[in-house]
């Protein structure tokens, strides 16, 4: 039995890693449901689908094996408890471990996830503040709010001029992880004569 527990633990641990890193966890047993891509359409549909997911899936099954094998191995090797009791406690531990993971992932975290729309992640036109000075021809950093979150991005001056820290800027374009910005005041000055020639 010691070998069985050890194999279950190692197998569960390896499968848990694979589920986390490769998407194996999307395989659900019981509903013959492979993947939950449709869950990500919007918040309401996601929450509904999350409630229908099978408790036996590519995340909870490896978690059960890992907890079952680990608990069984430790109890069998380091205590003098009878084998049937060890088996019962190991199974109980596996169910508790898988149950905790199921509740955390599919009842607490997954229903709150949603896919952001392209409009919500567009950088063009975002108003930001320079948090790390942008030197002439160099790269600095900007801070901005997007989708109710505070974000930062590497930034360069569109005109190649230095932009001091604290300056309010507008993102004109975003390419290869770099925001190309221009000071808001400069853009306002350029826009005013066009909108009102008398100013």
C-alpha atoms as a PDB file:
ATOM      1  CA  UNK A   1       0.000   0.000   0.000  1.00  0.00           C
ATOM      2  CA  UNK A   2       2.940   2.323   0.656  1.00  0.00           C
ATOM      3  CA  UNK A   3       3.862   2.169  -3.036  1.00  0.00           C
ATOM      4  CA  UNK A   4       0.252   2.797  -4.102  1.00  0.00           C
ATOM      5  CA  UNK A   5       0.045   5.913  -1.932  1.00  0.00           C
ATOM      6  CA  UNK A   6       3.378   7.170  -3.224  1.00  0.00           C
ATOM      7  CA  UNK A   7       2.358   6.609  -6.877  1.00  0.00           C
ATOM      8  CA  UNK A   8      -0.959   8.405  -6.281  1.00  0.00           C
ATOM      9  CA  UNK A   9       0.835  11.360  -4.716  1.00  0.00           C
ATOM     10  CA  UNK A  10       3.427  11.682  -7.491  1.00  0.00           C
ATOM     11  CA  UNK A  11       0.815  11.174 -10.236  1.00  0.00           C
ATOM     12  CA  UNK A  12      -1.532  13.716  -8.650  1.00  0.00           C
ATOM     13  CA  UNK A  13       1.270  16.249  -8.208  1.00  0.00           C
ATOM     14  CA  UNK A  14       2.468  15.889 -11.818  1.00  0.00           C
ATOM     15  CA  UNK A  15      -1.078  16.074 -13.217  1.00  0.00           C
ATOM     16  CA  UNK A  16      -1.801  19.151 -11.079  1.00  0.00           C
ATOM     17  CA  UNK A  17       1.235  20.892 -12.553  1.00  0.00           C
ATOM     18  CA  UNK A  18       0.171  19.902 -16.068  1.00  0.00           C
ATOM     19  CA  UNK A  19      -3.372  21.128 -15.413  1.00  0.00           C
ATOM     20  CA  UNK A  20      -2.099  24.492 -14.233  1.00  0.00           C
ATOM     21  CA  UNK A  21       0.439  24.998 -17.042  1.00  0.00           C
ATOM     22  CA  UNK A  22      -1.069  23.336 -20.119  1.00  0.00           C
ATOM     23  CA  UNK A  23      -4.836  23.667 -19.806  1.00  0.00           C
ATOM     24  CA  UNK A  24      -5.388  19.993 -18.965  1.00  0.00           C
ATOM     25  CA  UNK A  25      -7.743  21.218 -16.244  1.00  0.00           C
ATOM     26  CA  UNK A  26     -10.302  22.139 -18.915  1.00  0.00           C
ATOM     27  CA  UNK A  27     -11.188  18.466 -19.353  1.00  0.00           C
ATOM     28  CA  UNK A  28     -14.318  17.723 -17.330  1.00  0.00           C
ATOM     29  CA  UNK A  29     -15.523  14.251 -16.495  1.00  0.00           C
ATOM     30  CA  UNK A  30     -19.164  13.417 -15.925  1.00  0.00           C
ATOM     31  CA  UNK A  31     -20.776  15.890 -18.351  1.00  0.00           C
ATOM     32  CA  UNK A  32     -18.487  14.888 -21.223  1.00  0.00           C
ATOM     33  CA  UNK A  33     -17.578  18.554 -21.369  1.00  0.00           C
ATOM     34  CA  UNK A  34     -14.212  19.416 -22.882  1.00  0.00           C
ATOM     35  CA  UNK A  35     -13.130  22.976 -22.263  1.00  0.00           C
ATOM     36  CA  UNK A  36     -15.183  25.924 -21.081  1.00  0.00           C
ATOM     37  CA  UNK A  37     -14.297  28.515 -23.709  1.00  0.00           C
ATOM     38  CA  UNK A  38     -17.931  29.608 -23.951  1.00  0.00           C
ATOM     39  CA  UNK A  39     -17.792  30.507 -20.293  1.00  0.00           C
ATOM     40  CA  UNK A  40     -15.612  33.492 -21.119  1.00  0.00           C
ATOM     41  CA  UNK A  41     -18.106  35.396 -23.275  1.00  0.00           C
ATOM     42  CA  UNK A  42     -19.288  37.741 -20.524  1.00  0.00           C
ATOM     43  CA  UNK A  43     -19.734  37.810 -16.771  1.00  0.00           C
ATOM     44  CA  UNK A  44     -23.337  36.580 -16.607  1.00  0.00           C
ATOM     45  CA  UNK A  45     -22.832  33.559 -18.879  1.00  0.00           C
ATOM     46  CA  UNK A  46     -19.600  32.730 -17.117  1.00  0.00           C
ATOM     47  CA  UNK A  47     -21.253  32.592 -13.727  1.00  0.00           C
ATOM     48  CA  UNK A  48     -24.069  30.392 -15.030  1.00  0.00           C
ATOM     49  CA  UNK A  49     -21.703  27.955 -16.708  1.00  0.00           C
ATOM     50  CA  UNK A  50     -19.436  27.800 -13.678  1.00  0.00           C
ATOM     51  CA  UNK A  51     -22.329  26.507 -11.593  1.00  0.00           C
ATOM     52  CA  UNK A  52     -22.884  23.637 -14.059  1.00  0.00           C
ATOM     53  CA  UNK A  53     -19.277  22.397 -14.179  1.00  0.00           C
ATOM     54  CA  UNK A  54     -18.706  18.835 -13.106  1.00  0.00           C
ATOM     55  CA  UNK A  55     -16.953  18.354  -9.774  1.00  0.00           C
ATOM     56  CA  UNK A  56     -14.764  15.753 -11.493  1.00  0.00           C
ATOM     57  CA  UNK A  57     -12.454  17.664 -13.790  1.00  0.00           C
ATOM     58  CA  UNK A  58      -8.803  18.016 -14.711  1.00  0.00           C
ATOM     59  CA  UNK A  59      -8.120  20.120 -11.602  1.00  0.00           C
ATOM     60  CA  UNK A  60      -9.996  18.311  -8.851  1.00  0.00           C
ATOM     61  CA  UNK A  61      -9.089  14.736  -9.821  1.00  0.00           C
ATOM     62  CA  UNK A  62      -5.309  15.337  -9.621  1.00  0.00           C
ATOM     63  CA  UNK A  63      -5.850  17.276  -6.378  1.00  0.00           C
ATOM     64  CA  UNK A  64      -7.686  14.279  -4.920  1.00  0.00           C
ATOM     65  CA  UNK A  65      -4.877  11.899  -5.944  1.00  0.00           C
ATOM     66  CA  UNK A  66      -2.224  14.221  -4.513  1.00  0.00           C
ATOM     67  CA  UNK A  67      -3.936  14.671  -1.132  1.00  0.00           C
ATOM     68  CA  UNK A  68      -5.012  11.034  -0.952  1.00  0.00           C
ATOM     69  CA  UNK A  69      -1.527   9.737  -1.775  1.00  0.00           C
ATOM     70  CA  UNK A  70       0.328  12.203   0.438  1.00  0.00           C
ATOM     71  CA  UNK A  71      -1.859  11.646   3.495  1.00  0.00           C
ATOM     72  CA  UNK A  72      -1.920   7.873   3.027  1.00  0.00           C
ATOM     73  CA  UNK A  73       1.839   7.692   2.581  1.00  0.00           C
ATOM     74  CA  UNK A  74       2.581   9.753   5.704  1.00  0.00           C
ATOM     75  CA  UNK A  75       0.077   7.902   7.895  1.00  0.00           C
ATOM     76  CA  UNK A  76       1.059   4.445   6.641  1.00  0.00           C
ATOM     77  CA  UNK A  77       4.792   5.061   7.023  1.00  0.00           C
ATOM     78  CA  UNK A  78       5.034   7.145  10.208  1.00  0.00           C
ATOM     79  CA  UNK A  79       2.102   5.958  12.350  1.00  0.00           C
ATOM     80  CA  UNK A  80       0.871   2.642  13.655  1.00  0.00           C
ATOM     81  CA  UNK A  81      -2.734   3.224  12.590  1.00  0.00           C
ATOM     82  CA  UNK A  82      -4.551   0.240  11.035  1.00  0.00           C
ATOM     83  CA  UNK A  83      -4.515   0.086   7.225  1.00  0.00           C
ATOM     84  CA  UNK A  84      -8.324   0.469   6.810  1.00  0.00           C
ATOM     85  CA  UNK A  85      -8.257   3.586   8.996  1.00  0.00           C
ATOM     86  CA  UNK A  86      -5.354   4.989   6.965  1.00  0.00           C
ATOM     87  CA  UNK A  87      -7.295   4.331   3.756  1.00  0.00           C
ATOM     88  CA  UNK A  88     -10.401   6.043   5.131  1.00  0.00           C
ATOM     89  CA  UNK A  89      -8.483   9.113   6.369  1.00  0.00           C
ATOM     90  CA  UNK A  90      -6.546   9.314   3.090  1.00  0.00           C
ATOM     91  CA  UNK A  91      -9.783   9.228   1.077  1.00  0.00           C
ATOM     92  CA  UNK A  92     -11.334  11.844   3.354  1.00  0.00           C
ATOM     93  CA  UNK A  93      -8.244  14.038   2.947  1.00  0.00           C
ATOM     94  CA  UNK A  94      -8.391  13.656  -0.837  1.00  0.00           C
ATOM     95  CA  UNK A  95     -12.067  14.641  -0.923  1.00  0.00           C
ATOM     96  CA  UNK A  96     -11.459  17.657   1.319  1.00  0.00           C
ATOM     97  CA  UNK A  97      -8.482  18.805  -0.757  1.00  0.00           C
ATOM     98  CA  UNK A  98     -10.356  18.429  -4.059  1.00  0.00           C
ATOM     99  CA  UNK A  99     -13.444  20.054  -2.547  1.00  0.00           C
ATOM    100  CA  UNK A 100     -11.502  23.101  -1.360  1.00  0.00           C
ATOM    101  CA  UNK A 101      -9.922  23.488  -4.804  1.00  0.00           C
ATOM    102  CA  UNK A 102     -13.311  23.145  -6.525  1.00  0.00           C
ATOM    103  CA  UNK A 103     -14.925  25.789  -4.319  1.00  0.00           C
ATOM    104  CA  UNK A 104     -12.036  28.241  -4.682  1.00  0.00           C
ATOM    105  CA  UNK A 105     -11.640  27.848  -8.450  1.00  0.00           C
ATOM    106  CA  UNK A 106     -15.160  27.267  -9.725  1.00  0.00           C
ATOM    107  CA  UNK A 107     -17.330  29.013  -7.139  1.00  0.00           C
ATOM    108  CA  UNK A 108     -15.193  31.981  -6.060  1.00  0.00           C
ATOM    109  CA  UNK A 109     -12.652  32.817  -8.803  1.00  0.00           C
ATOM    110  CA  UNK A 110     -14.099  31.574 -12.104  1.00  0.00           C
ATOM    111  CA  UNK A 111     -17.510  33.324 -11.869  1.00  0.00           C
ATOM    112  CA  UNK A 112     -15.725  36.677 -11.450  1.00  0.00           C
ATOM    113  CA  UNK A 113     -13.602  36.294 -14.578  1.00  0.00           C
ATOM    114  CA  UNK A 114     -14.520  37.783 -17.917  1.00  0.00           C
ATOM    115  CA  UNK A 115     -12.844  38.452 -21.206  1.00  0.00           C
ATOM    116  CA  UNK A 116     -12.054  42.117 -21.712  1.00  0.00           C
ATOM    117  CA  UNK A 117     -13.345  43.708 -24.891  1.00  0.00           C
ATOM    118  CA  UNK A 118     -10.893  45.229 -27.355  1.00  0.00           C
ATOM    119  CA  UNK A 119     -12.264  48.693 -26.556  1.00  0.00           C
ATOM    120  CA  UNK A 120     -11.401  48.226 -22.879  1.00  0.00           C
ATOM    121  CA  UNK A 121      -7.756  47.443 -23.586  1.00  0.00           C
ATOM    122  CA  UNK A 122      -7.082  49.984 -26.347  1.00  0.00           C
ATOM    123  CA  UNK A 123      -4.218  52.298 -25.538  1.00  0.00           C
ATOM    124  CA  UNK A 124      -4.830  54.938 -28.229  1.00  0.00           C
ATOM    125  CA  UNK A 125      -6.202  58.068 -26.598  1.00  0.00           C
ATOM    126  CA  UNK A 126      -5.499  57.015 -23.020  1.00  0.00           C
ATOM    127  CA  UNK A 127      -4.610  59.943 -20.760  1.00  0.00           C
ATOM    128  CA  UNK A 128      -1.723  59.079 -18.450  1.00  0.00           C
ATOM    129  CA  UNK A 129       0.841  60.666 -16.161  1.00  0.00           C
ATOM    130  CA  UNK A 130       4.595  60.239 -16.563  1.00  0.00           C
ATOM    131  CA  UNK A 131       5.902  58.359 -13.525  1.00  0.00           C
ATOM    132  CA  UNK A 132       9.479  57.951 -14.732  1.00  0.00           C
ATOM    133  CA  UNK A 133      10.970  60.757 -16.819  1.00  0.00           C
ATOM    134  CA  UNK A 134      11.042  60.174 -20.561  1.00  0.00           C
ATOM    135  CA  UNK A 135      14.415  61.350 -21.815  1.00  0.00           C
ATOM    136  CA  UNK A 136      14.990  62.601 -25.367  1.00  0.00           C
ATOM    137  CA  UNK A 137      14.994  59.516 -27.574  1.00  0.00           C
ATOM    138  CA  UNK A 138      14.757  57.320 -24.473  1.00  0.00           C
ATOM    139  CA  UNK A 139      12.133  55.286 -22.657  1.00  0.00           C
ATOM    140  CA  UNK A 140      10.300  56.184 -19.461  1.00  0.00           C
ATOM    141  CA  UNK A 141       7.147  54.989 -17.766  1.00  0.00           C
ATOM    142  CA  UNK A 142       3.543  56.156 -17.554  1.00  0.00           C
ATOM    143  CA  UNK A 143       0.748  55.402 -15.084  1.00  0.00           C
ATOM    144  CA  UNK A 144      -2.910  55.296 -16.099  1.00  0.00           C
ATOM    145  CA  UNK A 145      -6.274  53.858 -15.125  1.00  0.00           C
ATOM    146  CA  UNK A 146      -7.958  51.282 -17.330  1.00  0.00           C
ATOM    147  CA  UNK A 147     -10.884  48.973 -16.558  1.00  0.00           C
ATOM    148  CA  UNK A 148     -10.992  50.098 -12.925  1.00  0.00           C
ATOM    149  CA  UNK A 149      -7.348  49.162 -12.401  1.00  0.00           C
ATOM    150  CA  UNK A 150      -4.146  51.155 -12.072  1.00  0.00           C
ATOM    151  CA  UNK A 151      -1.668  50.179 -14.785  1.00  0.00           C
ATOM    152  CA  UNK A 152       1.758  51.157 -16.010  1.00  0.00           C
ATOM    153  CA  UNK A 153       3.523  50.933 -19.352  1.00  0.00           C
ATOM    154  CA  UNK A 154       6.853  51.758 -20.907  1.00  0.00           C
ATOM    155  CA  UNK A 155       6.614  54.993 -22.858  1.00  0.00           C
ATOM    156  CA  UNK A 156       8.500  57.093 -25.397  1.00  0.00           C
ATOM    157  CA  UNK A 157       7.940  60.587 -26.631  1.00  0.00           C
ATOM    158  CA  UNK A 158       6.313  60.622 -30.072  1.00  0.00           C
ATOM    159  CA  UNK A 159       8.302  63.725 -31.000  1.00  0.00           C
ATOM    160  CA  UNK A 160      11.526  62.477 -29.412  1.00  0.00           C
ATOM    161  CA  UNK A 161      11.561  65.330 -26.876  1.00  0.00           C
ATOM    162  CA  UNK A 162      12.123  64.887 -23.131  1.00  0.00           C
ATOM    163  CA  UNK A 163       8.973  64.755 -20.984  1.00  0.00           C
ATOM    164  CA  UNK A 164       9.470  65.396 -17.259  1.00  0.00           C
ATOM    165  CA  UNK A 165       7.971  63.302 -14.493  1.00  0.00           C
ATOM    166  CA  UNK A 166       4.423  64.293 -13.516  1.00  0.00           C
ATOM    167  CA  UNK A 167       3.478  65.552 -16.988  1.00  0.00           C
ATOM    168  CA  UNK A 168       0.025  64.592 -18.216  1.00  0.00           C
ATOM    169  CA  UNK A 169       0.306  62.871 -21.586  1.00  0.00           C
ATOM    170  CA  UNK A 170      -1.901  61.223 -24.207  1.00  0.00           C
ATOM    171  CA  UNK A 171      -1.036  57.896 -25.805  1.00  0.00           C
ATOM    172  CA  UNK A 172      -0.994  58.388 -29.577  1.00  0.00           C
ATOM    173  CA  UNK A 173      -0.071  54.829 -30.513  1.00  0.00           C
ATOM    174  CA  UNK A 174       1.039  51.597 -28.900  1.00  0.00           C
ATOM    175  CA  UNK A 175       3.510  49.247 -30.555  1.00  0.00           C
ATOM    176  CA  UNK A 176       5.606  46.309 -29.304  1.00  0.00           C
ATOM    177  CA  UNK A 177       4.860  47.051 -25.661  1.00  0.00           C
ATOM    178  CA  UNK A 178       5.793  50.738 -25.897  1.00  0.00           C
ATOM    179  CA  UNK A 179       3.322  53.618 -25.615  1.00  0.00           C
ATOM    180  CA  UNK A 180       4.217  56.607 -27.784  1.00  0.00           C
ATOM    181  CA  UNK A 181       2.962  59.711 -26.025  1.00  0.00           C
ATOM    182  CA  UNK A 182       2.688  63.460 -26.402  1.00  0.00           C
ATOM    183  CA  UNK A 183       2.093  66.038 -23.628  1.00  0.00           C
ATOM    184  CA  UNK A 184      -1.595  66.857 -23.260  1.00  0.00           C
ATOM    185  CA  UNK A 185      -0.892  70.604 -23.122  1.00  0.00           C
ATOM    186  CA  UNK A 186       0.914  70.474 -26.486  1.00  0.00           C
ATOM    187  CA  UNK A 187      -1.989  68.635 -28.105  1.00  0.00           C
ATOM    188  CA  UNK A 188      -4.473  71.144 -26.663  1.00  0.00           C
ATOM    189  CA  UNK A 189      -2.460  74.080 -28.018  1.00  0.00           C
ATOM    190  CA  UNK A 190      -2.357  72.454 -31.462  1.00  0.00           C
ATOM    191  CA  UNK A 191      -6.107  71.791 -31.431  1.00  0.00           C
ATOM    192  CA  UNK A 192      -7.247  75.246 -30.305  1.00  0.00           C
ATOM    193  CA  UNK A 193      -6.363  77.240 -33.479  1.00  0.00           C
ATOM    194  CA  UNK A 194      -8.111  74.631 -35.606  1.00  0.00           C
ATOM    195  CA  UNK A 195     -11.317  74.756 -33.596  1.00  0.00           C
ATOM    196  CA  UNK A 196     -11.372  78.558 -33.109  1.00  0.00           C
ATOM    197  CA  UNK A 197      -9.230  80.691 -35.455  1.00  0.00           C
ATOM    198  CA  UNK A 198      -9.875  83.855 -33.353  1.00  0.00           C
ATOM    199  CA  UNK A 199      -7.960  82.406 -30.344  1.00  0.00           C
END
